[in-house]
Amino acid sequence: MKVYPLFCICIILLNVVCAGCHKLTQNIELSENPLYAELRERRIMDSLIRESYKYVNSVKGHKEEDLITGRFVDSNIDTLWFECPDENNREIWELCCSNKAVKRCKFWGVSPSLVFEGDLDGNGTDDFGFLDTWYTSNCRYYNVATIRNHTIISMLQFETTYSLRASGKDLVEKSNQKGYAHVICSDMDAPNSCCNWAPDVDTLMRFDYQRFDQNDFQ
């Protein structure tokens, strides 16, 4: 009478061990699967997004300030800042310089914080960056600008996802190749990319030196 319960217990334990081994084998197979690795990375990024939304309009790896100083025009020290000309319309901002000869430049929907980028192109004057903002998306363009002939112009513009902005990475650095900056941007053309997450692209980007369009503000 006592043999049967013991026999049943042994059978149950054997089944449990076999099930555990099978699950372990499955986990090993999954961990070696590239798709599983990508999904795991996506879950990490989704968790990061849920934990903190403060990088919707900010870049963790940047020192963002309301006022920045540098040699933006010539060898003299000047100050840059954003100003809202109409407190009833917070969508339009003007980028201002303490050098009165520099023309103010207007923008739709920007984060009114500036990043000192230093002399990226080696021309002797300092450059700076700022983010665009959108109401309905977590994608943001990071703009790198400079001042030429007392006019604020674009040097670079590239797209960033929330995960990149929250990663703590510095998005722009000076490169050793003339005419290019070292940037980290988001690959929005990659499979499964979205404004919350996309693969990072570490690359060189050519300076474009284009005027910011002011036609909407005439």
C-alpha atoms as a PDB file:
ATOM      1  CA  MET A   1       0.000   0.000   0.000  1.00  0.00           C
ATOM      2  CA  LYS A   2       2.891   2.391   0.758  1.00  0.00           C
ATOM      3  CA  VAL A   3       4.770   1.616  -2.474  1.00  0.00           C
ATOM      4  CA  TYR A   4       2.216   3.214  -4.781  1.00  0.00           C
ATOM      5  CA  PRO A   5       2.261   6.734  -3.245  1.00  0.00           C
ATOM      6  CA  LEU A   6       6.073   6.698  -3.325  1.00  0.00           C
ATOM      7  CA  PHE A   7       6.012   5.543  -6.931  1.00  0.00           C
ATOM      8  CA  CYS A   8       3.545   8.328  -7.819  1.00  0.00           C
ATOM      9  CA  ILE A   9       5.723  10.935  -6.113  1.00  0.00           C
ATOM     10  CA  CYS A  10       8.754   9.750  -8.126  1.00  0.00           C
ATOM     11  CA  ILE A  11       6.762  10.006 -11.371  1.00  0.00           C
ATOM     12  CA  ILE A  12       5.609  13.531 -10.496  1.00  0.00           C
ATOM     13  CA  LEU A  13       9.150  14.652  -9.632  1.00  0.00           C
ATOM     14  CA  LEU A  14      10.462  13.161 -12.870  1.00  0.00           C
ATOM     15  CA  ASN A  15       7.850  15.082 -14.863  1.00  0.00           C
ATOM     16  CA  VAL A  16       8.740  18.317 -13.086  1.00  0.00           C
ATOM     17  CA  VAL A  17      12.462  17.819 -13.807  1.00  0.00           C
ATOM     18  CA  CYS A  18      11.787  17.011 -17.455  1.00  0.00           C
ATOM     19  CA  ALA A  19       9.559  20.059 -17.811  1.00  0.00           C
ATOM     20  CA  GLY A  20      12.268  22.227 -16.254  1.00  0.00           C
ATOM     21  CA  CYS A  21      14.896  20.870 -18.614  1.00  0.00           C
ATOM     22  CA  HIS A  22      12.613  21.443 -21.589  1.00  0.00           C
ATOM     23  CA  LYS A  23      11.963  25.045 -20.499  1.00  0.00           C
ATOM     24  CA  LEU A  24      15.703  25.609 -19.965  1.00  0.00           C
ATOM     25  CA  THR A  25      16.390  24.284 -23.465  1.00  0.00           C
ATOM     26  CA  GLN A  26      13.739  26.615 -24.879  1.00  0.00           C
ATOM     27  CA  ASN A  27      15.251  29.598 -23.042  1.00  0.00           C
ATOM     28  CA  ILE A  28      18.715  28.791 -24.396  1.00  0.00           C
ATOM     29  CA  GLU A  29      17.328  28.518 -27.926  1.00  0.00           C
ATOM     30  CA  LEU A  30      15.449  31.815 -27.541  1.00  0.00           C
ATOM     31  CA  SER A  31      18.486  33.639 -26.150  1.00  0.00           C
ATOM     32  CA  GLU A  32      20.444  32.600 -29.248  1.00  0.00           C
ATOM     33  CA  ASN A  33      17.683  33.756 -31.596  1.00  0.00           C
ATOM     34  CA  PRO A  34      18.424  37.227 -33.131  1.00  0.00           C
ATOM     35  CA  LEU A  35      14.700  38.053 -33.145  1.00  0.00           C
ATOM     36  CA  TYR A  36      14.483  37.313 -29.419  1.00  0.00           C
ATOM     37  CA  ALA A  37      17.503  39.551 -28.787  1.00  0.00           C
ATOM     38  CA  GLU A  38      15.831  42.381 -30.711  1.00  0.00           C
ATOM     39  CA  LEU A  39      12.550  41.939 -28.849  1.00  0.00           C
ATOM     40  CA  ARG A  40      14.408  41.921 -25.534  1.00  0.00           C
ATOM     41  CA  GLU A  41      16.121  45.189 -26.482  1.00  0.00           C
ATOM     42  CA  ARG A  42      12.767  46.665 -27.462  1.00  0.00           C
ATOM     43  CA  ARG A  43      11.317  45.689 -24.066  1.00  0.00           C
ATOM     44  CA  ILE A  44      14.227  47.387 -22.341  1.00  0.00           C
ATOM     45  CA  MET A  45      13.652  50.526 -24.387  1.00  0.00           C
ATOM     46  CA  ASP A  46       9.887  50.434 -23.700  1.00  0.00           C
ATOM     47  CA  SER A  47      10.640  50.118 -19.993  1.00  0.00           C
ATOM     48  CA  LEU A  48      12.983  53.085 -20.220  1.00  0.00           C
ATOM     49  CA  ILE A  49      10.273  55.133 -21.898  1.00  0.00           C
ATOM     50  CA  ARG A  50       7.699  54.230 -19.255  1.00  0.00           C
ATOM     51  CA  GLU A  51      10.072  55.113 -16.415  1.00  0.00           C
ATOM     52  CA  SER A  52      10.755  58.663 -17.523  1.00  0.00           C
ATOM     53  CA  TYR A  53       9.032  60.977 -19.967  1.00  0.00           C
ATOM     54  CA  LYS A  54      11.242  63.962 -19.203  1.00  0.00           C
ATOM     55  CA  TYR A  55      13.250  63.376 -22.369  1.00  0.00           C
ATOM     56  CA  VAL A  56      10.308  63.963 -24.692  1.00  0.00           C
ATOM     57  CA  ASN A  57      11.675  67.457 -25.347  1.00  0.00           C
ATOM     58  CA  SER A  58      15.157  67.001 -23.954  1.00  0.00           C
ATOM     59  CA  VAL A  59      18.371  65.027 -24.524  1.00  0.00           C
ATOM     60  CA  LYS A  60      19.814  63.317 -21.453  1.00  0.00           C
ATOM     61  CA  GLY A  61      23.378  63.425 -22.778  1.00  0.00           C
ATOM     62  CA  HIS A  62      23.309  67.188 -23.400  1.00  0.00           C
ATOM     63  CA  LYS A  63      23.814  70.184 -21.154  1.00  0.00           C
ATOM     64  CA  GLU A  64      20.723  72.214 -22.025  1.00  0.00           C
ATOM     65  CA  GLU A  65      20.553  75.813 -20.867  1.00  0.00           C
ATOM     66  CA  ASP A  66      18.285  78.843 -21.221  1.00  0.00           C
ATOM     67  CA  LEU A  67      21.316  81.017 -21.977  1.00  0.00           C
ATOM     68  CA  ILE A  68      24.604  79.966 -23.551  1.00  0.00           C
ATOM     69  CA  THR A  69      27.736  82.035 -24.077  1.00  0.00           C
ATOM     70  CA  GLY A  70      30.509  81.617 -26.606  1.00  0.00           C
ATOM     71  CA  ARG A  71      32.333  83.066 -29.580  1.00  0.00           C
ATOM     72  CA  PHE A  72      29.379  82.645 -31.918  1.00  0.00           C
ATOM     73  CA  VAL A  73      30.012  85.669 -34.177  1.00  0.00           C
ATOM     74  CA  ASP A  74      33.695  86.560 -33.846  1.00  0.00           C
ATOM     75  CA  SER A  75      36.372  86.550 -31.158  1.00  0.00           C
ATOM     76  CA  ASN A  76      34.095  88.385 -28.719  1.00  0.00           C
ATOM     77  CA  ILE A  77      31.907  86.554 -26.199  1.00  0.00           C
ATOM     78  CA  ASP A  78      28.183  86.714 -26.985  1.00  0.00           C
ATOM     79  CA  THR A  79      25.032  85.215 -25.474  1.00  0.00           C
ATOM     80  CA  LEU A  80      22.235  83.266 -27.199  1.00  0.00           C
ATOM     81  CA  TRP A  81      18.713  82.602 -25.924  1.00  0.00           C
ATOM     82  CA  PHE A  82      15.166  81.888 -27.093  1.00  0.00           C
ATOM     83  CA  GLU A  83      12.456  84.461 -26.576  1.00  0.00           C
ATOM     84  CA  CYS A  84       8.687  84.172 -27.007  1.00  0.00           C
ATOM     85  CA  PRO A  85       7.463  87.442 -28.585  1.00  0.00           C
ATOM     86  CA  ASP A  86       3.810  86.673 -27.814  1.00  0.00           C
ATOM     87  CA  GLU A  87       2.995  85.095 -24.443  1.00  0.00           C
ATOM     88  CA  ASN A  88      -0.397  84.064 -25.846  1.00  0.00           C
ATOM     89  CA  ASN A  89       1.272  82.013 -28.584  1.00  0.00           C
ATOM     90  CA  ARG A  90       3.939  79.694 -27.206  1.00  0.00           C
ATOM     91  CA  GLU A  91       4.401  77.984 -30.570  1.00  0.00           C
ATOM     92  CA  ILE A  92       6.564  80.718 -32.107  1.00  0.00           C
ATOM     93  CA  TRP A  93      10.015  81.405 -30.669  1.00  0.00           C
ATOM     94  CA  GLU A  94      12.768  83.802 -31.674  1.00  0.00           C
ATOM     95  CA  LEU A  95      16.436  82.902 -31.351  1.00  0.00           C
ATOM     96  CA  CYS A  96      18.249  86.003 -30.107  1.00  0.00           C
ATOM     97  CA  CYS A  97      21.871  87.093 -29.796  1.00  0.00           C
ATOM     98  CA  SER A  98      23.411  89.747 -27.572  1.00  0.00           C
ATOM     99  CA  ASN A  99      25.251  90.992 -30.668  1.00  0.00           C
ATOM    100  CA  LYS A 100      22.599  93.333 -32.088  1.00  0.00           C
ATOM    101  CA  ALA A 101      23.970  92.929 -35.602  1.00  0.00           C
ATOM    102  CA  VAL A 102      22.761  89.302 -35.645  1.00  0.00           C
ATOM    103  CA  LYS A 103      19.286  88.971 -37.147  1.00  0.00           C
ATOM    104  CA  ARG A 104      16.706  87.257 -34.966  1.00  0.00           C
ATOM    105  CA  CYS A 105      15.503  83.928 -36.361  1.00  0.00           C
ATOM    106  CA  LYS A 106      11.972  82.625 -35.805  1.00  0.00           C
ATOM    107  CA  PHE A 107      10.936  78.986 -35.318  1.00  0.00           C
ATOM    108  CA  TRP A 108       7.734  77.024 -34.945  1.00  0.00           C
ATOM    109  CA  GLY A 109       7.572  74.685 -31.960  1.00  0.00           C
ATOM    110  CA  VAL A 110      11.072  74.412 -30.548  1.00  0.00           C
ATOM    111  CA  SER A 111      12.241  73.493 -27.075  1.00  0.00           C
ATOM    112  CA  PRO A 112      13.542  76.858 -25.784  1.00  0.00           C
ATOM    113  CA  SER A 113      16.794  75.396 -24.486  1.00  0.00           C
ATOM    114  CA  LEU A 114      20.184  75.599 -26.153  1.00  0.00           C
ATOM    115  CA  VAL A 115      23.226  73.321 -26.235  1.00  0.00           C
ATOM    116  CA  PHE A 116      26.739  74.693 -26.628  1.00  0.00           C
ATOM    117  CA  GLU A 117      28.411  72.505 -29.278  1.00  0.00           C
ATOM    118  CA  GLY A 118      31.755  74.298 -29.608  1.00  0.00           C
ATOM    119  CA  ASP A 119      33.540  74.824 -32.918  1.00  0.00           C
ATOM    120  CA  LEU A 120      32.375  71.781 -34.870  1.00  0.00           C
ATOM    121  CA  ASP A 121      33.563  72.823 -38.336  1.00  0.00           C
ATOM    122  CA  GLY A 122      36.860  74.399 -37.295  1.00  0.00           C
ATOM    123  CA  ASN A 123      36.123  77.883 -38.668  1.00  0.00           C
ATOM    124  CA  GLY A 124      36.969  79.631 -35.386  1.00  0.00           C
ATOM    125  CA  THR A 125      33.443  80.324 -34.106  1.00  0.00           C
ATOM    126  CA  ASP A 126      31.243  78.242 -31.814  1.00  0.00           C
ATOM    127  CA  ASP A 127      28.123  76.348 -32.843  1.00  0.00           C
ATOM    128  CA  PHE A 128      24.971  75.368 -30.934  1.00  0.00           C
ATOM    129  CA  GLY A 129      22.002  73.007 -31.013  1.00  0.00           C
ATOM    130  CA  PHE A 130      18.316  72.763 -30.104  1.00  0.00           C
ATOM    131  CA  LEU A 131      15.311  70.428 -30.515  1.00  0.00           C
ATOM    132  CA  ASP A 132      12.130  70.752 -32.531  1.00  0.00           C
ATOM    133  CA  THR A 133       8.932  69.771 -30.702  1.00  0.00           C
ATOM    134  CA  TRP A 134       5.736  68.098 -31.933  1.00  0.00           C
ATOM    135  CA  TYR A 135       2.460  67.627 -30.081  1.00  0.00           C
ATOM    136  CA  THR A 136       1.500  64.287 -31.604  1.00  0.00           C
ATOM    137  CA  SER A 137       4.812  62.451 -31.877  1.00  0.00           C
ATOM    138  CA  ASN A 138       7.855  61.392 -29.851  1.00  0.00           C
ATOM    139  CA  CYS A 139      10.131  61.999 -32.844  1.00  0.00           C
ATOM    140  CA  ARG A 140      12.265  65.119 -32.611  1.00  0.00           C
ATOM    141  CA  TYR A 141      14.709  66.745 -35.010  1.00  0.00           C
ATOM    142  CA  TYR A 142      17.941  67.909 -33.440  1.00  0.00           C
ATOM    143  CA  ASN A 143      19.187  71.060 -35.133  1.00  0.00           C
ATOM    144  CA  VAL A 144      22.799  72.202 -35.120  1.00  0.00           C
ATOM    145  CA  ALA A 145      23.216  75.852 -36.114  1.00  0.00           C
ATOM    146  CA  THR A 146      25.881  78.507 -36.506  1.00  0.00           C
ATOM    147  CA  ILE A 147      26.110  82.217 -37.299  1.00  0.00           C
ATOM    148  CA  ARG A 148      27.554  83.364 -40.623  1.00  0.00           C
ATOM    149  CA  ASN A 149      27.580  87.008 -41.738  1.00  0.00           C
ATOM    150  CA  HIS A 150      25.354  87.876 -38.765  1.00  0.00           C
ATOM    151  CA  THR A 151      22.723  85.357 -39.916  1.00  0.00           C
ATOM    152  CA  ILE A 152      21.685  82.237 -37.999  1.00  0.00           C
ATOM    153  CA  ILE A 153      21.880  79.249 -40.359  1.00  0.00           C
ATOM    154  CA  SER A 154      21.478  75.470 -40.147  1.00  0.00           C
ATOM    155  CA  MET A 155      24.506  73.184 -40.191  1.00  0.00           C
ATOM    156  CA  LEU A 156      22.880  69.815 -39.497  1.00  0.00           C
ATOM    157  CA  GLN A 157      19.437  68.384 -38.844  1.00  0.00           C
ATOM    158  CA  PHE A 158      18.631  64.764 -37.992  1.00  0.00           C
ATOM    159  CA  GLU A 159      15.839  62.741 -36.439  1.00  0.00           C
ATOM    160  CA  THR A 160      15.890  61.281 -32.924  1.00  0.00           C
ATOM    161  CA  THR A 161      13.591  58.840 -31.146  1.00  0.00           C
ATOM    162  CA  TYR A 162      12.708  58.967 -27.474  1.00  0.00           C
ATOM    163  CA  SER A 163      14.989  56.021 -26.681  1.00  0.00           C
ATOM    164  CA  LEU A 164      18.018  57.788 -28.183  1.00  0.00           C
ATOM    165  CA  ARG A 165      17.308  61.030 -26.343  1.00  0.00           C
ATOM    166  CA  ALA A 166      16.929  59.130 -23.047  1.00  0.00           C
ATOM    167  CA  SER A 167      20.064  57.010 -23.594  1.00  0.00           C
ATOM    168  CA  GLY A 168      22.517  59.571 -22.213  1.00  0.00           C
ATOM    169  CA  LYS A 169      24.513  59.729 -25.452  1.00  0.00           C
ATOM    170  CA  ASP A 170      25.987  62.969 -26.770  1.00  0.00           C
ATOM    171  CA  LEU A 171      24.434  63.294 -30.227  1.00  0.00           C
ATOM    172  CA  VAL A 172      27.069  65.482 -31.911  1.00  0.00           C
ATOM    173  CA  GLU A 173      30.859  65.661 -31.700  1.00  0.00           C
ATOM    174  CA  LYS A 174      33.615  67.189 -33.765  1.00  0.00           C
ATOM    175  CA  SER A 175      35.113  64.775 -36.287  1.00  0.00           C
ATOM    176  CA  ASN A 176      38.571  64.476 -37.803  1.00  0.00           C
ATOM    177  CA  GLN A 177      37.132  64.776 -41.316  1.00  0.00           C
ATOM    178  CA  LYS A 178      36.756  68.321 -42.619  1.00  0.00           C
ATOM    179  CA  GLY A 179      33.219  69.305 -43.511  1.00  0.00           C
ATOM    180  CA  TYR A 180      31.652  66.559 -41.392  1.00  0.00           C
ATOM    181  CA  ALA A 181      30.461  66.075 -37.815  1.00  0.00           C
ATOM    182  CA  HIS A 182      30.294  62.816 -35.885  1.00  0.00           C
ATOM    183  CA  VAL A 183      26.610  62.236 -35.044  1.00  0.00           C
ATOM    184  CA  ILE A 184      24.402  59.590 -33.466  1.00  0.00           C
ATOM    185  CA  CYS A 185      20.919  59.626 -34.975  1.00  0.00           C
ATOM    186  CA  SER A 186      17.940  57.272 -35.288  1.00  0.00           C
ATOM    187  CA  ASP A 187      17.419  54.985 -38.278  1.00  0.00           C
ATOM    188  CA  MET A 188      13.733  55.601 -38.982  1.00  0.00           C
ATOM    189  CA  ASP A 189      13.880  53.447 -42.139  1.00  0.00           C
ATOM    190  CA  ALA A 190      14.852  50.286 -40.233  1.00  0.00           C
ATOM    191  CA  PRO A 191      12.199  47.555 -39.750  1.00  0.00           C
ATOM    192  CA  ASN A 192       9.879  48.111 -36.758  1.00  0.00           C
ATOM    193  CA  SER A 193      11.215  51.618 -36.147  1.00  0.00           C
ATOM    194  CA  CYS A 194       8.912  54.091 -34.465  1.00  0.00           C
ATOM    195  CA  CYS A 195       9.219  57.393 -32.624  1.00  0.00           C
ATOM    196  CA  ASN A 196       9.716  55.583 -29.308  1.00  0.00           C
ATOM    197  CA  TRP A 197      12.497  53.316 -30.535  1.00  0.00           C
ATOM    198  CA  ALA A 198      14.724  52.845 -33.575  1.00  0.00           C
ATOM    199  CA  PRO A 199      18.273  51.553 -34.059  1.00  0.00           C
ATOM    200  CA  ASP A 200      20.998  54.108 -33.397  1.00  0.00           C
ATOM    201  CA  VAL A 201      23.226  55.109 -36.312  1.00  0.00           C
ATOM    202  CA  ASP A 202      26.747  56.225 -35.436  1.00  0.00           C
ATOM    203  CA  THR A 203      28.010  58.047 -38.513  1.00  0.00           C
ATOM    204  CA  LEU A 204      29.565  61.109 -40.107  1.00  0.00           C
ATOM    205  CA  MET A 205      27.191  63.774 -41.420  1.00  0.00           C
ATOM    206  CA  ARG A 206      28.079  66.519 -43.853  1.00  0.00           C
ATOM    207  CA  PHE A 207      27.400  70.150 -42.935  1.00  0.00           C
ATOM    208  CA  ASP A 208      24.714  71.636 -45.180  1.00  0.00           C
ATOM    209  CA  TYR A 209      24.790  75.366 -44.261  1.00  0.00           C
ATOM    210  CA  GLN A 210      21.239  76.354 -45.163  1.00  0.00           C
ATOM    211  CA  ARG A 211      19.153  79.318 -44.075  1.00  0.00           C
ATOM    212  CA  PHE A 212      16.202  78.573 -41.809  1.00  0.00           C
ATOM    213  CA  ASP A 213      12.992  79.242 -43.724  1.00  0.00           C
ATOM    214  CA  GLN A 214      11.389  82.456 -42.479  1.00  0.00           C
ATOM    215  CA  ASN A 215       8.627  82.728 -45.109  1.00  0.00           C
ATOM    216  CA  ASP A 216       5.913  81.659 -42.657  1.00  0.00           C
ATOM    217  CA  PHE A 217       6.676  84.647 -40.450  1.00  0.00           C
ATOM    218  CA  GLN A 218       6.478  87.414 -43.064  1.00  0.00           C
END
